[in-house]
């Protein structure tokens, strides 16, 4: 990792889960959409489930691709 060195423990946590800032933003946006749809009920149940699986897939994809540039 290049750039400013920070606490290795914090760097390990954030580096492992949020290596790519785009992935982090995608997960945040999809989570907000899912919560908003479940609260307001203007997206039906099946679509909410699909969005939930999409979020899960994004998290798993980011976790599996950890360390692979």
N, C-alpha and C. Protein backbone atom coordinates (compact mmCIF):
# COMPACT_ATOMS: atom_id res chain seq x y z
N UNK A 1 0.84 -1.19 0.00
CA UNK A 1 0.00 0.00 0.00
C UNK A 1 0.89 1.24 0.00
N UNK A 2 0.58 2.15 -0.89
CA UNK A 2 1.36 3.37 -0.98
C UNK A 2 0.63 4.50 -0.30
N UNK A 3 1.33 5.58 -0.04
CA UNK A 3 0.71 6.75 0.57
C UNK A 3 1.06 6.85 2.04
N UNK A 4 0.22 7.57 2.76
CA UNK A 4 0.48 7.83 4.18
C UNK A 4 0.24 6.55 4.97
N UNK A 5 1.20 6.24 5.85
CA UNK A 5 1.05 5.07 6.69
C UNK A 5 0.22 5.44 7.92
N UNK A 6 -0.80 4.59 8.18
CA UNK A 6 -1.62 4.80 9.37
C UNK A 6 -1.47 3.57 10.24
N UNK A 7 -2.26 3.52 11.30
CA UNK A 7 -2.24 2.39 12.20
C UNK A 7 -2.46 1.10 11.42
N UNK A 8 -1.55 0.12 11.50
CA UNK A 8 -1.68 -1.11 10.69
C UNK A 8 -2.96 -1.87 10.98
N UNK A 9 -3.46 -1.83 12.23
CA UNK A 9 -4.68 -2.55 12.58
C UNK A 9 -5.88 -1.94 11.84
N UNK A 10 -5.99 -0.61 11.87
CA UNK A 10 -7.07 0.08 11.17
C UNK A 10 -6.92 -0.11 9.66
N UNK A 11 -5.69 -0.02 9.18
CA UNK A 11 -5.43 -0.19 7.75
C UNK A 11 -5.83 -1.59 7.30
N UNK A 12 -5.60 -2.58 8.15
CA UNK A 12 -5.96 -3.96 7.82
C UNK A 12 -7.47 -4.12 7.72
N UNK A 13 -8.21 -3.54 8.69
CA UNK A 13 -9.67 -3.65 8.68
C UNK A 13 -10.24 -2.97 7.44
N UNK A 14 -9.87 -1.72 7.21
CA UNK A 14 -10.44 -0.99 6.08
C UNK A 14 -9.91 -1.51 4.75
N UNK A 15 -8.66 -1.95 4.74
CA UNK A 15 -8.10 -2.50 3.51
C UNK A 15 -8.76 -3.79 3.09
N UNK A 16 -9.15 -4.58 4.08
CA UNK A 16 -9.74 -5.89 3.79
C UNK A 16 -11.15 -5.73 3.23
N UNK A 17 -11.95 -4.86 3.82
CA UNK A 17 -13.35 -4.76 3.43
C UNK A 17 -13.59 -3.72 2.36
N UNK A 18 -12.89 -2.60 2.44
CA UNK A 18 -13.20 -1.48 1.55
C UNK A 18 -11.98 -1.08 0.74
N UNK A 19 -11.40 -2.09 0.06
CA UNK A 19 -10.20 -1.84 -0.72
C UNK A 19 -10.50 -0.86 -1.86
N UNK A 20 -11.70 -0.95 -2.38
CA UNK A 20 -12.08 -0.10 -3.50
C UNK A 20 -13.17 0.85 -3.04
N UNK A 21 -12.93 2.15 -3.17
CA UNK A 21 -13.89 3.15 -2.71
C UNK A 21 -15.18 3.08 -3.51
N UNK A 22 -15.11 2.63 -4.76
CA UNK A 22 -16.33 2.50 -5.58
C UNK A 22 -17.21 1.39 -5.02
N UNK A 23 -16.61 0.29 -4.60
CA UNK A 23 -17.37 -0.80 -4.00
C UNK A 23 -18.05 -0.33 -2.73
N UNK A 24 -17.33 0.45 -1.91
CA UNK A 24 -17.89 0.99 -0.68
C UNK A 24 -19.09 1.88 -0.98
N UNK A 25 -18.96 2.76 -1.95
CA UNK A 25 -20.07 3.65 -2.30
C UNK A 25 -21.25 2.85 -2.83
N UNK A 26 -20.99 1.83 -3.63
CA UNK A 26 -22.06 1.00 -4.17
C UNK A 26 -22.82 0.29 -3.06
N UNK A 27 -22.10 -0.27 -2.09
CA UNK A 27 -22.74 -0.96 -0.98
C UNK A 27 -23.58 0.03 -0.16
N UNK A 28 -23.04 1.24 0.10
CA UNK A 28 -23.79 2.23 0.87
C UNK A 28 -25.07 2.63 0.14
N UNK A 29 -24.97 2.91 -1.16
CA UNK A 29 -26.14 3.33 -1.93
C UNK A 29 -27.19 2.23 -1.95
N UNK A 30 -26.78 0.99 -2.22
CA UNK A 30 -27.74 -0.10 -2.27
C UNK A 30 -28.39 -0.37 -0.92
N UNK A 31 -27.62 -0.22 0.16
CA UNK A 31 -28.17 -0.41 1.49
C UNK A 31 -29.21 0.66 1.81
N UNK A 32 -28.93 1.91 1.44
CA UNK A 32 -29.88 2.99 1.65
C UNK A 32 -31.17 2.74 0.86
N UNK A 33 -31.02 2.30 -0.39
CA UNK A 33 -32.20 2.01 -1.22
C UNK A 33 -33.02 0.88 -0.61
N UNK A 34 -32.35 -0.15 -0.11
CA UNK A 34 -33.06 -1.28 0.49
C UNK A 34 -33.82 -0.85 1.73
N UNK A 35 -33.16 -0.11 2.63
CA UNK A 35 -33.82 0.35 3.85
C UNK A 35 -34.99 1.27 3.52
N UNK A 36 -34.78 2.18 2.58
CA UNK A 36 -35.82 3.13 2.19
C UNK A 36 -37.02 2.40 1.62
N UNK A 37 -36.77 1.37 0.80
CA UNK A 37 -37.88 0.63 0.18
C UNK A 37 -38.62 -0.21 1.22
N UNK A 38 -37.90 -0.76 2.18
CA UNK A 38 -38.58 -1.57 3.19
C UNK A 38 -39.41 -0.70 4.13
N UNK A 39 -38.94 0.51 4.43
CA UNK A 39 -39.68 1.39 5.32
C UNK A 39 -40.93 1.94 4.61
N UNK A 40 -40.77 2.43 3.40
CA UNK A 40 -41.87 3.10 2.71
C UNK A 40 -42.77 2.17 1.93
N UNK A 41 -42.32 0.94 1.70
CA UNK A 41 -43.12 -0.08 1.02
C UNK A 41 -43.51 0.32 -0.39
N UNK A 42 -42.77 1.24 -1.05
CA UNK A 42 -43.13 1.53 -2.42
C UNK A 42 -42.35 0.72 -3.43
N UNK A 43 -41.57 -0.20 -2.95
CA UNK A 43 -41.02 -1.22 -3.83
C UNK A 43 -41.53 -2.56 -3.29
N UNK A 44 -42.09 -3.37 -4.14
CA UNK A 44 -42.72 -4.60 -3.67
C UNK A 44 -41.70 -5.56 -3.07
N UNK A 45 -42.23 -6.59 -2.44
CA UNK A 45 -41.40 -7.48 -1.63
C UNK A 45 -40.35 -8.21 -2.46
N UNK A 46 -40.71 -8.67 -3.65
CA UNK A 46 -39.77 -9.44 -4.45
C UNK A 46 -38.60 -8.58 -4.92
N UNK A 47 -38.89 -7.32 -5.29
CA UNK A 47 -37.82 -6.44 -5.72
C UNK A 47 -36.90 -6.10 -4.55
N UNK A 48 -37.47 -5.92 -3.36
CA UNK A 48 -36.64 -5.68 -2.18
C UNK A 48 -35.72 -6.86 -1.90
N UNK A 49 -36.24 -8.07 -2.10
CA UNK A 49 -35.43 -9.27 -1.92
C UNK A 49 -34.30 -9.32 -2.94
N UNK A 50 -34.60 -8.95 -4.19
CA UNK A 50 -33.56 -8.93 -5.22
C UNK A 50 -32.49 -7.90 -4.89
N UNK A 51 -32.89 -6.72 -4.40
CA UNK A 51 -31.92 -5.70 -4.02
C UNK A 51 -31.06 -6.21 -2.87
N UNK A 52 -31.68 -6.91 -1.93
CA UNK A 52 -30.94 -7.48 -0.80
C UNK A 52 -29.89 -8.48 -1.26
N UNK A 53 -30.27 -9.34 -2.20
CA UNK A 53 -29.29 -10.30 -2.73
C UNK A 53 -28.20 -9.60 -3.52
N UNK A 54 -28.54 -8.50 -4.19
CA UNK A 54 -27.53 -7.73 -4.91
C UNK A 54 -26.50 -7.14 -3.95
N UNK A 55 -26.98 -6.62 -2.80
CA UNK A 55 -26.07 -6.09 -1.79
C UNK A 55 -25.18 -7.22 -1.25
N UNK A 56 -25.79 -8.36 -0.95
CA UNK A 56 -25.03 -9.50 -0.44
C UNK A 56 -23.97 -9.95 -1.45
N UNK A 57 -24.36 -9.95 -2.74
CA UNK A 57 -23.41 -10.32 -3.79
C UNK A 57 -22.26 -9.34 -3.90
N UNK A 58 -22.57 -8.04 -3.73
CA UNK A 58 -21.52 -7.03 -3.80
C UNK A 58 -20.54 -7.19 -2.64
N UNK A 59 -21.07 -7.45 -1.45
CA UNK A 59 -20.20 -7.63 -0.27
C UNK A 59 -19.34 -8.89 -0.44
N UNK A 60 -19.96 -9.98 -0.85
CA UNK A 60 -19.21 -11.23 -1.04
C UNK A 60 -18.17 -11.09 -2.15
N UNK A 61 -18.54 -10.38 -3.23
CA UNK A 61 -17.60 -10.17 -4.32
C UNK A 61 -16.39 -9.36 -3.88
N UNK A 62 -16.63 -8.34 -3.06
CA UNK A 62 -15.53 -7.52 -2.55
C UNK A 62 -14.65 -8.34 -1.61
N UNK A 63 -15.27 -9.23 -0.84
CA UNK A 63 -14.52 -10.04 0.12
C UNK A 63 -13.70 -11.10 -0.61
N UNK A 64 -14.29 -11.73 -1.63
CA UNK A 64 -13.59 -12.79 -2.36
C UNK A 64 -12.42 -12.21 -3.16
N UNK A 65 -12.62 -11.02 -3.73
CA UNK A 65 -11.57 -10.43 -4.56
C UNK A 65 -10.51 -9.71 -3.74
N UNK A 66 -10.58 -9.82 -2.42
CA UNK A 66 -9.59 -9.17 -1.54
C UNK A 66 -8.18 -9.68 -1.85
N UNK A 67 -7.28 -8.74 -2.08
CA UNK A 67 -5.90 -9.11 -2.32
C UNK A 67 -5.57 -9.38 -3.77
N UNK A 68 -6.59 -9.47 -4.61
CA UNK A 68 -6.35 -9.71 -6.03
C UNK A 68 -6.48 -8.39 -6.78
N UNK A 69 -5.36 -7.89 -7.25
CA UNK A 69 -5.38 -6.58 -7.94
C UNK A 69 -5.91 -6.73 -9.34
